[in-house]
Amino acid sequence: MTPLRMIFLALAIWGAIHPMYYFLSWYFANGQDFMGMIDAWYVNDSTTGLVWDLTIAAIALAIWIVADSIQRRDWLGPVAVLAIGIGVSCALPLYLFLRSRPRDAKTA
């Protein structure tokens, strides 16, 4: 595995674990009130801007992953679309990790 692929994998793992720490902390402090968490995302203009920024980035990333996977006929890539449920910070490096893997001559 190349150093670049190891970096992508490390970032995907970090992007899954680090944000989840904050989500779980919120749940333990406030209970499993999902609507309460969504309300907290819109508590002021700054957090609302971040929510929309990440939402638009997630939509763009999902479209790119699907389009790129179809063009490359790489059917493992769309797994990263599921990782958008964890967050863009996990899904983007995961897709880059999957996309940068060596492909054999039959699938290229």
Protein backbone atom coordinates (compact mmCIF):
# COMPACT_ATOMS: atom_id res chain seq x y z
CA MET A 1 0.00 0.00 0.00
CA THR A 2 1.37 3.40 -0.97
CA PRO A 3 1.95 6.14 1.60
CA LEU A 4 -0.79 8.24 -0.02
CA ARG A 5 -3.32 5.42 0.33
CA MET A 6 -2.34 4.98 3.98
CA ILE A 7 -2.95 8.70 4.54
CA PHE A 8 -6.40 8.47 2.91
CA LEU A 9 -7.27 5.44 5.05
CA ALA A 10 -6.06 7.16 8.23
CA LEU A 11 -8.11 10.27 7.40
CA ALA A 12 -11.22 8.15 6.72
CA ILE A 13 -10.85 6.43 10.09
CA TRP A 14 -10.21 9.74 11.84
CA GLY A 15 -13.18 11.26 9.98
CA ALA A 16 -15.38 8.47 11.30
CA ILE A 17 -14.19 8.41 14.92
CA HIS A 18 -13.54 12.05 15.81
CA PRO A 19 -16.94 13.52 14.82
CA MET A 20 -18.72 10.50 16.33
CA TYR A 21 -17.17 11.36 19.71
CA TYR A 22 -19.03 14.68 19.69
CA PHE A 23 -22.31 13.16 18.50
CA LEU A 24 -22.17 10.51 21.22
CA SER A 25 -21.24 13.10 23.86
CA TRP A 26 -24.30 15.10 22.85
CA TYR A 27 -26.53 12.01 23.00
CA PHE A 28 -25.26 11.05 26.47
CA ALA A 29 -25.84 14.59 27.74
CA ASN A 30 -29.23 15.15 26.08
CA GLY A 31 -30.70 11.72 25.49
CA GLN A 32 -31.53 10.21 22.14
CA ASP A 33 -33.53 13.20 20.97
CA PHE A 34 -32.55 13.35 17.29
CA MET A 35 -34.80 16.34 16.63
CA GLY A 36 -33.11 18.15 19.52
CA MET A 37 -29.76 17.62 17.83
CA ILE A 38 -31.11 19.00 14.56
CA ASP A 39 -32.47 22.01 16.43
CA ALA A 40 -29.01 22.55 17.94
CA TRP A 41 -27.51 22.64 14.45
CA TYR A 42 -29.61 25.72 13.71
CA VAL A 43 -29.03 27.57 16.99
CA ASN A 44 -27.33 30.54 15.27
CA ASP A 45 -26.27 31.75 11.84
CA SER A 46 -22.78 30.28 12.19
CA THR A 47 -23.96 26.73 12.83
CA THR A 48 -26.69 27.06 10.20
CA GLY A 49 -24.03 28.07 7.67
CA LEU A 50 -21.92 25.04 8.57
CA VAL A 51 -24.92 22.71 8.23
CA TRP A 52 -25.70 24.03 4.75
CA ASP A 53 -22.02 24.00 3.76
CA LEU A 54 -21.68 20.32 4.71
CA THR A 55 -25.06 19.42 3.20
CA ILE A 56 -24.13 20.90 -0.18
CA ALA A 57 -20.67 19.29 -0.01
CA ALA A 58 -22.24 15.91 0.81
CA ILE A 59 -24.65 16.13 -2.13
CA ALA A 60 -21.84 17.13 -4.52
CA LEU A 61 -19.64 14.32 -3.20
CA ALA A 62 -22.39 11.71 -3.61
CA ILE A 63 -23.05 12.81 -7.21
CA TRP A 64 -19.33 12.75 -8.03
CA ILE A 65 -18.80 9.32 -6.45
CA VAL A 66 -21.69 7.79 -8.40
CA ALA A 67 -20.75 9.47 -11.71
CA ASP A 68 -17.06 8.65 -11.35
CA SER A 69 -17.77 5.05 -10.37
CA ILE A 70 -20.05 4.56 -13.37
CA GLN A 71 -17.51 6.10 -15.74
CA ARG A 72 -14.67 3.98 -14.32
CA ARG A 73 -16.92 0.89 -13.92
CA ASP A 74 -15.69 0.64 -10.36
CA TRP A 75 -18.54 -0.87 -8.37
CA LEU A 76 -16.80 -0.75 -4.98
CA GLY A 77 -16.58 3.06 -4.98
CA PRO A 78 -20.25 3.77 -4.18
CA VAL A 79 -19.72 2.16 -0.76
CA ALA A 80 -18.32 5.58 0.16
CA VAL A 81 -21.77 7.12 -0.47
CA LEU A 82 -22.98 5.19 2.57
CA ALA A 83 -20.14 6.74 4.58
CA ILE A 84 -21.70 10.16 3.96
CA GLY A 85 -24.11 9.12 6.72
CA ILE A 86 -21.11 9.29 9.05
CA GLY A 87 -19.89 12.51 7.48
CA VAL A 88 -18.06 14.08 4.57
CA SER A 89 -14.88 13.88 6.68
CA CYS A 90 -15.12 10.08 6.45
CA ALA A 91 -16.66 9.63 3.00
CA LEU A 92 -14.24 11.75 0.96
CA PRO A 93 -10.99 10.16 2.18
CA LEU A 94 -12.64 6.72 2.03
CA TYR A 95 -13.55 7.23 -1.61
CA LEU A 96 -10.07 8.54 -2.41
CA PHE A 97 -8.64 5.46 -0.70
CA LEU A 98 -10.89 3.14 -2.73
CA ARG A 99 -10.32 5.05 -5.97
CA SER A 100 -6.52 4.95 -5.64
CA ARG A 101 -6.31 1.18 -5.25
CA PRO A 102 -4.53 -0.76 -7.99
CA ARG A 103 -6.86 -2.23 -10.58
CA ASP A 104 -6.13 -5.40 -12.50
CA ALA A 105 -5.96 -5.40 -16.31
CA LYS A 106 -9.36 -7.12 -16.65
CA THR A 107 -11.29 -4.32 -14.95
CA ALA A 108 -9.30 -1.37 -16.31
